[in-house]
Amino acid sequence: MFGTTNCEYFRDENGQVIIYNESHFKVAGIENEHRYFLSTKLTVDIGYSRGMIPAVKRGEQYLDLVDGTMIDYTPGMESAYAIAQIAFINKANFDL
């Protein structure tokens, strides 16, 4: 999926990869909190070197909305935390 290798995906009870077409924040019910996309350098080889973690702050830590774990985050850090495959589409490509 998405040109990655050596990845493990979350799967449902039938073994199918779980794919959301809505924001992690919407799925988690996040409404009135500051939203973060934490950038991290990956320590595992999955076909690219950086990843994004959708998160909200809880005290001094962040709640990773991909897998629900609390993480300690420092800008520029290296990690093996669960990341999201997030794509932003350049509106100019649509020639609207």
N, C-alpha and C. Protein backbone atom coordinates (compact mmCIF):
# COMPACT_ATOMS: atom_id res chain seq x y z
N MET A 1 0.84 -1.19 0.00
CA MET A 1 0.00 0.00 0.00
C MET A 1 0.88 1.24 0.00
N PHE A 2 0.54 2.23 -0.81
CA PHE A 2 1.19 3.52 -0.82
C PHE A 2 2.70 3.43 -1.03
N GLY A 3 3.22 2.39 -1.64
CA GLY A 3 4.64 2.31 -1.94
C GLY A 3 5.53 2.03 -0.75
N THR A 4 4.99 1.46 0.31
CA THR A 4 5.80 1.18 1.48
C THR A 4 6.19 -0.30 1.50
N THR A 5 7.25 -0.59 2.23
CA THR A 5 7.69 -1.96 2.43
C THR A 5 7.94 -2.18 3.91
N ASN A 6 7.95 -3.42 4.33
CA ASN A 6 8.27 -3.77 5.71
C ASN A 6 7.33 -3.10 6.71
N CYS A 7 6.03 -3.01 6.38
CA CYS A 7 5.05 -2.37 7.26
C CYS A 7 4.09 -3.38 7.85
N GLU A 8 3.59 -3.06 9.02
CA GLU A 8 2.50 -3.81 9.61
C GLU A 8 1.32 -2.88 9.69
N TYR A 9 0.17 -3.32 9.21
CA TYR A 9 -1.03 -2.51 9.23
C TYR A 9 -1.99 -3.05 10.26
N PHE A 10 -2.83 -2.16 10.80
CA PHE A 10 -3.89 -2.60 11.69
C PHE A 10 -4.93 -3.32 10.85
N ARG A 11 -5.41 -4.44 11.36
CA ARG A 11 -6.36 -5.28 10.61
C ARG A 11 -7.60 -5.55 11.44
N ASP A 12 -8.71 -5.79 10.74
CA ASP A 12 -9.95 -6.12 11.44
C ASP A 12 -9.97 -7.61 11.76
N GLU A 13 -11.09 -8.07 12.32
CA GLU A 13 -11.20 -9.48 12.74
C GLU A 13 -11.14 -10.46 11.57
N ASN A 14 -11.33 -9.98 10.34
CA ASN A 14 -11.24 -10.84 9.16
C ASN A 14 -9.87 -10.76 8.48
N GLY A 15 -8.96 -10.02 9.08
CA GLY A 15 -7.62 -9.90 8.53
C GLY A 15 -7.47 -8.82 7.46
N GLN A 16 -8.51 -8.04 7.23
CA GLN A 16 -8.46 -6.99 6.22
C GLN A 16 -7.83 -5.72 6.81
N VAL A 17 -7.00 -5.05 6.02
CA VAL A 17 -6.37 -3.82 6.46
C VAL A 17 -7.45 -2.78 6.73
N ILE A 18 -7.34 -2.10 7.87
CA ILE A 18 -8.30 -1.05 8.23
C ILE A 18 -7.86 0.25 7.59
N ILE A 19 -8.72 0.82 6.77
CA ILE A 19 -8.44 2.08 6.10
C ILE A 19 -9.55 3.06 6.44
N TYR A 20 -9.15 4.24 6.88
CA TYR A 20 -10.10 5.30 7.17
C TYR A 20 -10.01 6.36 6.08
N ASN A 21 -11.14 6.87 5.68
CA ASN A 21 -11.17 7.97 4.71
C ASN A 21 -11.60 9.26 5.39
N GLU A 22 -11.44 9.30 6.71
CA GLU A 22 -11.73 10.49 7.50
C GLU A 22 -10.50 10.80 8.34
N SER A 23 -10.43 11.99 8.83
CA SER A 23 -9.28 12.40 9.63
C SER A 23 -9.19 11.59 10.92
N HIS A 24 -7.96 11.38 11.38
CA HIS A 24 -7.74 10.70 12.66
C HIS A 24 -8.44 11.47 13.78
N PHE A 25 -8.46 12.78 13.69
CA PHE A 25 -9.07 13.61 14.71
C PHE A 25 -10.59 13.39 14.75
N LYS A 26 -11.21 13.30 13.59
CA LYS A 26 -12.65 13.07 13.52
C LYS A 26 -12.99 11.68 14.05
N VAL A 27 -12.24 10.67 13.63
CA VAL A 27 -12.49 9.30 14.08
C VAL A 27 -12.36 9.19 15.60
N ALA A 28 -11.39 9.93 16.18
CA ALA A 28 -11.16 9.88 17.64
C ALA A 28 -12.10 10.80 18.41
N GLY A 29 -12.92 11.58 17.70
CA GLY A 29 -13.86 12.47 18.38
C GLY A 29 -13.20 13.72 18.96
N ILE A 30 -12.06 14.13 18.41
CA ILE A 30 -11.36 15.32 18.88
C ILE A 30 -12.06 16.55 18.30
N GLU A 31 -12.55 17.43 19.18
CA GLU A 31 -13.26 18.61 18.69
C GLU A 31 -12.59 19.91 19.08
N ASN A 32 -12.44 20.18 20.35
CA ASN A 32 -11.97 21.48 20.80
C ASN A 32 -10.59 21.42 21.42
N GLU A 33 -9.69 20.69 20.78
CA GLU A 33 -8.31 20.59 21.27
C GLU A 33 -7.37 20.97 20.14
N HIS A 34 -6.19 21.44 20.53
CA HIS A 34 -5.17 21.73 19.53
C HIS A 34 -4.73 20.42 18.88
N ARG A 35 -4.64 20.40 17.59
CA ARG A 35 -4.29 19.19 16.83
C ARG A 35 -2.87 19.30 16.32
N TYR A 36 -2.15 18.19 16.38
CA TYR A 36 -0.76 18.19 15.97
C TYR A 36 -0.51 17.11 14.93
N PHE A 37 0.40 17.40 13.99
CA PHE A 37 1.02 16.39 13.15
C PHE A 37 2.49 16.42 13.53
N LEU A 38 2.92 15.44 14.30
CA LEU A 38 4.29 15.39 14.80
C LEU A 38 5.17 14.71 13.76
N SER A 39 6.21 15.39 13.35
CA SER A 39 7.13 14.84 12.36
C SER A 39 8.23 14.07 13.08
N THR A 40 8.53 12.89 12.57
CA THR A 40 9.56 12.07 13.19
C THR A 40 10.39 11.37 12.13
N LYS A 41 11.66 11.18 12.43
CA LYS A 41 12.54 10.41 11.56
C LYS A 41 12.38 8.95 11.97
N LEU A 42 12.11 8.09 11.01
CA LEU A 42 11.82 6.69 11.32
C LEU A 42 13.08 5.89 11.59
N THR A 43 13.00 5.00 12.57
CA THR A 43 14.13 4.13 12.89
C THR A 43 13.97 2.76 12.25
N VAL A 44 12.87 2.57 11.53
CA VAL A 44 12.62 1.32 10.82
C VAL A 44 12.51 1.63 9.33
N ASP A 45 12.90 0.70 8.49
CA ASP A 45 12.85 0.91 7.05
C ASP A 45 11.49 0.48 6.51
N ILE A 46 10.69 1.47 6.09
CA ILE A 46 9.39 1.16 5.50
C ILE A 46 9.25 1.77 4.11
N GLY A 47 10.36 2.18 3.54
CA GLY A 47 10.34 2.73 2.19
C GLY A 47 10.48 4.24 2.15
N TYR A 48 10.39 4.90 3.28
CA TYR A 48 10.67 6.32 3.35
C TYR A 48 11.21 6.64 4.74
N SER A 49 11.82 7.81 4.91
CA SER A 49 12.60 8.09 6.11
C SER A 49 11.89 8.91 7.18
N ARG A 50 10.79 9.59 6.83
CA ARG A 50 10.08 10.42 7.80
C ARG A 50 8.62 10.01 7.87
N GLY A 51 8.02 10.28 9.03
CA GLY A 51 6.61 9.95 9.20
C GLY A 51 5.90 11.03 9.97
N MET A 52 4.57 11.01 9.89
CA MET A 52 3.73 11.97 10.59
C MET A 52 2.84 11.23 11.58
N ILE A 53 2.76 11.78 12.78
CA ILE A 53 1.92 11.22 13.83
C ILE A 53 0.81 12.21 14.15
N PRO A 54 -0.44 11.90 13.82
CA PRO A 54 -1.53 12.77 14.26
C PRO A 54 -1.71 12.59 15.77
N ALA A 55 -1.75 13.71 16.48
CA ALA A 55 -1.76 13.60 17.94
C ALA A 55 -2.46 14.79 18.59
N VAL A 56 -2.80 14.61 19.87
CA VAL A 56 -3.25 15.69 20.74
C VAL A 56 -2.42 15.61 22.02
N LYS A 57 -2.23 16.76 22.66
CA LYS A 57 -1.39 16.81 23.85
C LYS A 57 -2.19 16.41 25.08
N ARG A 58 -1.59 15.60 25.92
CA ARG A 58 -2.15 15.16 27.19
C ARG A 58 -1.08 15.39 28.26
N GLY A 59 -1.17 16.51 28.98
CA GLY A 59 -0.13 16.83 29.96
C GLY A 59 1.16 17.15 29.24
N GLU A 60 2.22 16.44 29.60
CA GLU A 60 3.52 16.64 28.96
C GLU A 60 3.74 15.67 27.79
N GLN A 61 2.81 14.75 27.57
CA GLN A 61 2.94 13.77 26.51
C GLN A 61 1.91 14.03 25.42
N TYR A 62 2.00 13.23 24.35
CA TYR A 62 1.05 13.32 23.24
C TYR A 62 0.36 11.98 23.08
N LEU A 63 -0.93 12.03 22.74
CA LEU A 63 -1.69 10.83 22.45
C LEU A 63 -1.60 10.56 20.96
N ASP A 64 -0.95 9.47 20.58
CA ASP A 64 -0.81 9.07 19.17
C ASP A 64 -2.17 8.54 18.72
N LEU A 65 -2.80 9.23 17.79
CA LEU A 65 -4.14 8.82 17.36
C LEU A 65 -4.14 7.65 16.38
N VAL A 66 -2.96 7.17 16.01
CA VAL A 66 -2.90 5.99 15.16
C VAL A 66 -3.13 4.74 15.98
N ASP A 67 -2.43 4.63 17.11
CA ASP A 67 -2.57 3.41 17.92
C ASP A 67 -3.00 3.65 19.37
N GLY A 68 -3.20 4.92 19.75
CA GLY A 68 -3.71 5.21 21.08
C GLY A 68 -2.68 5.22 22.19
N THR A 69 -1.41 5.17 21.87
CA THR A 69 -0.39 5.18 22.92
C THR A 69 0.02 6.61 23.27
N MET A 70 0.48 6.77 24.49
CA MET A 70 1.03 8.04 24.94
C MET A 70 2.51 8.05 24.59
N ILE A 71 2.96 9.16 24.00
CA ILE A 71 4.35 9.22 23.57
C ILE A 71 5.02 10.49 24.09
N ASP A 72 6.31 10.39 24.28
CA ASP A 72 7.14 11.55 24.57
C ASP A 72 7.69 12.03 23.23
N TYR A 73 7.49 13.29 22.92
CA TYR A 73 7.91 13.80 21.61
C TYR A 73 8.86 14.97 21.77
N THR A 74 9.91 14.93 20.99
CA THR A 74 10.86 16.03 20.87
C THR A 74 11.02 16.31 19.39
N PRO A 75 10.88 17.57 18.95
CA PRO A 75 11.04 17.87 17.52
C PRO A 75 12.37 17.33 16.97
N GLY A 76 12.29 16.69 15.80
CA GLY A 76 13.47 16.13 15.15
C GLY A 76 13.88 14.76 15.65
N MET A 77 13.11 14.20 16.55
CA MET A 77 13.48 12.91 17.14
C MET A 77 13.37 11.75 16.16
N GLU A 78 14.05 10.66 16.47
CA GLU A 78 13.92 9.41 15.74
C GLU A 78 13.00 8.51 16.54
N SER A 79 12.15 7.75 15.84
CA SER A 79 11.24 6.87 16.58
C SER A 79 10.75 5.72 15.71
N ALA A 80 10.14 4.77 16.39
CA ALA A 80 9.45 3.66 15.73
C ALA A 80 7.97 3.70 16.11
N TYR A 81 7.48 4.88 16.53
CA TYR A 81 6.06 5.02 16.88
C TYR A 81 5.19 4.78 15.66
N ALA A 82 3.94 4.41 15.90
CA ALA A 82 2.98 4.22 14.82
C ALA A 82 2.75 5.55 14.12
N ILE A 83 2.82 5.53 12.80
CA ILE A 83 2.62 6.75 12.01
C ILE A 83 1.43 6.57 11.08
N ALA A 84 0.97 7.68 10.54
CA ALA A 84 -0.14 7.65 9.59
C ALA A 84 0.40 7.87 8.18
N GLN A 85 -0.23 7.26 7.22
CA GLN A 85 0.08 7.53 5.82
C GLN A 85 -0.89 8.61 5.38
N ILE A 86 -0.41 9.84 5.40
CA ILE A 86 -1.25 11.00 5.13
C ILE A 86 -0.81 11.61 3.80
N ALA A 87 -1.77 11.84 2.94
CA ALA A 87 -1.46 12.46 1.65
C ALA A 87 -2.24 13.76 1.53
N PHE A 88 -1.55 14.79 1.12
CA PHE A 88 -2.18 16.07 0.85
C PHE A 88 -2.17 16.27 -0.65
N ILE A 89 -3.30 16.58 -1.21
CA ILE A 89 -3.42 16.75 -2.66
C ILE A 89 -3.34 18.24 -2.98
N ASN A 90 -2.43 18.57 -3.86
CA ASN A 90 -2.26 19.95 -4.28
C ASN A 90 -3.45 20.38 -5.14
N LYS A 91 -4.21 21.33 -4.66
CA LYS A 91 -5.41 21.78 -5.36
C LYS A 91 -5.09 22.26 -6.78
N ALA A 92 -3.92 22.84 -6.99
CA ALA A 92 -3.56 23.35 -8.31
C ALA A 92 -3.58 22.24 -9.37
N ASN A 93 -3.35 21.01 -8.95
CA ASN A 93 -3.36 19.88 -9.88
C ASN A 93 -4.74 19.64 -10.47
N PHE A 94 -5.77 20.11 -9.80
CA PHE A 94 -7.13 19.92 -10.28
C PHE A 94 -7.57 21.00 -11.27
N ASP A 95 -6.77 22.08 -11.36
CA ASP A 95 -7.07 23.18 -12.27
C ASP A 95 -8.50 23.67 -12.10
N LEU A 96 -8.86 23.96 -10.85
CA LEU A 96 -10.22 24.41 -10.55
C LEU A 96 -10.43 25.87 -10.85
